[in-house]
Amino acid sequence: MRTSTDRITWRNGFRLNGEPAEIIDLQEVFEANVYAKKLEVYEQRKAEIRDKCVSSTDYEYACQCLAEVLGI
């Protein structure tokens, strides 16, 4: 889950938390945001799978497939 409040915006140039920033500075923040979103989706889907009362081996296999699809 994302715990940082880093915010990327565009207003006559890129800004990070309201301050002017270069693209190279934003790359790490952007990648962290994308990864955090993937983990959020992963956890939501895991909960949905768990709610379907599947066997533990099916649950494990489904989680592995989900992780591969999301690239985590």
Protein backbone atom coordinates (compact mmCIF):
# COMPACT_ATOMS: atom_id res chain seq x y z
CA MET A 1 0.00 0.00 0.00
CA ARG A 2 1.10 3.51 -0.73
CA THR A 3 2.13 5.46 2.35
CA SER A 4 3.79 8.41 0.66
CA THR A 5 1.96 11.57 -0.31
CA ASP A 6 4.15 12.29 -3.34
CA ARG A 7 2.06 13.91 -6.03
CA ILE A 8 3.10 14.41 -9.64
CA THR A 9 1.33 17.19 -11.54
CA TRP A 10 1.78 19.21 -14.71
CA ARG A 11 1.45 22.98 -14.61
CA ASN A 12 3.77 24.67 -17.14
CA GLY A 13 6.21 21.84 -16.43
CA PHE A 14 6.36 18.81 -14.19
CA ARG A 15 5.93 19.35 -10.48
CA LEU A 16 6.47 17.05 -7.54
CA ASN A 17 4.41 18.10 -4.53
CA GLY A 18 4.00 21.55 -6.06
CA GLU A 19 7.72 22.14 -6.67
CA PRO A 20 9.29 22.16 -10.16
CA ALA A 21 10.92 18.82 -10.97
CA GLU A 22 12.75 17.11 -13.80
CA ILE A 23 11.47 13.93 -15.42
CA ILE A 24 14.40 11.95 -14.04
CA ASP A 25 13.34 12.93 -10.51
CA LEU A 26 9.79 11.77 -11.16
CA GLN A 27 10.66 8.37 -12.58
CA GLU A 28 11.20 6.67 -9.21
CA VAL A 29 8.02 8.17 -7.74
CA PHE A 30 6.02 7.15 -10.79
CA GLU A 31 7.33 3.58 -10.74
CA ALA A 32 6.58 3.30 -7.02
CA ASN A 33 3.02 4.51 -7.65
CA VAL A 34 2.50 1.95 -10.43
CA TYR A 35 3.85 -0.86 -8.24
CA ALA A 36 1.66 0.22 -5.33
CA LYS A 37 -1.41 0.12 -7.57
CA LYS A 38 -0.49 -3.38 -8.76
CA LEU A 39 -0.19 -4.56 -5.17
CA GLU A 40 -3.54 -3.00 -4.32
CA VAL A 41 -5.22 -4.85 -7.20
CA TYR A 42 -3.43 -8.06 -6.17
CA GLU A 43 -4.71 -7.85 -2.61
CA GLN A 44 -8.27 -7.12 -3.78
CA ARG A 45 -8.29 -10.09 -6.16
CA LYS A 46 -6.81 -12.37 -3.50
CA ALA A 47 -9.67 -11.43 -1.18
CA GLU A 48 -12.19 -12.19 -3.92
CA ILE A 49 -10.60 -15.59 -4.53
CA ARG A 50 -10.54 -16.34 -0.78
CA ASP A 51 -14.26 -15.46 -0.53
CA LYS A 52 -15.09 -18.10 -3.13
CA CYS A 53 -14.02 -20.81 -0.64
CA VAL A 54 -11.64 -22.60 -2.97
CA SER A 55 -9.21 -25.25 -1.78
CA SER A 56 -5.82 -24.12 -0.52
CA THR A 57 -4.00 -25.52 -3.56
CA ASP A 58 -6.41 -23.79 -5.95
CA TYR A 59 -6.04 -20.56 -3.98
CA GLU A 60 -2.25 -20.77 -4.13
CA TYR A 61 -2.30 -21.49 -7.86
CA ALA A 62 -4.74 -18.62 -8.53
CA CYS A 63 -2.55 -16.20 -6.54
CA GLN A 64 0.55 -17.27 -8.47
CA CYS A 65 -1.24 -16.76 -11.78
CA LEU A 66 -2.52 -13.39 -10.66
CA ALA A 67 0.98 -12.29 -9.64
CA GLU A 68 2.34 -13.34 -13.03
CA VAL A 69 -0.38 -11.42 -14.87
CA LEU A 70 0.27 -8.28 -12.82
CA GLY A 71 4.03 -8.66 -13.12
CA ILE A 72 4.82 -8.71 -9.42
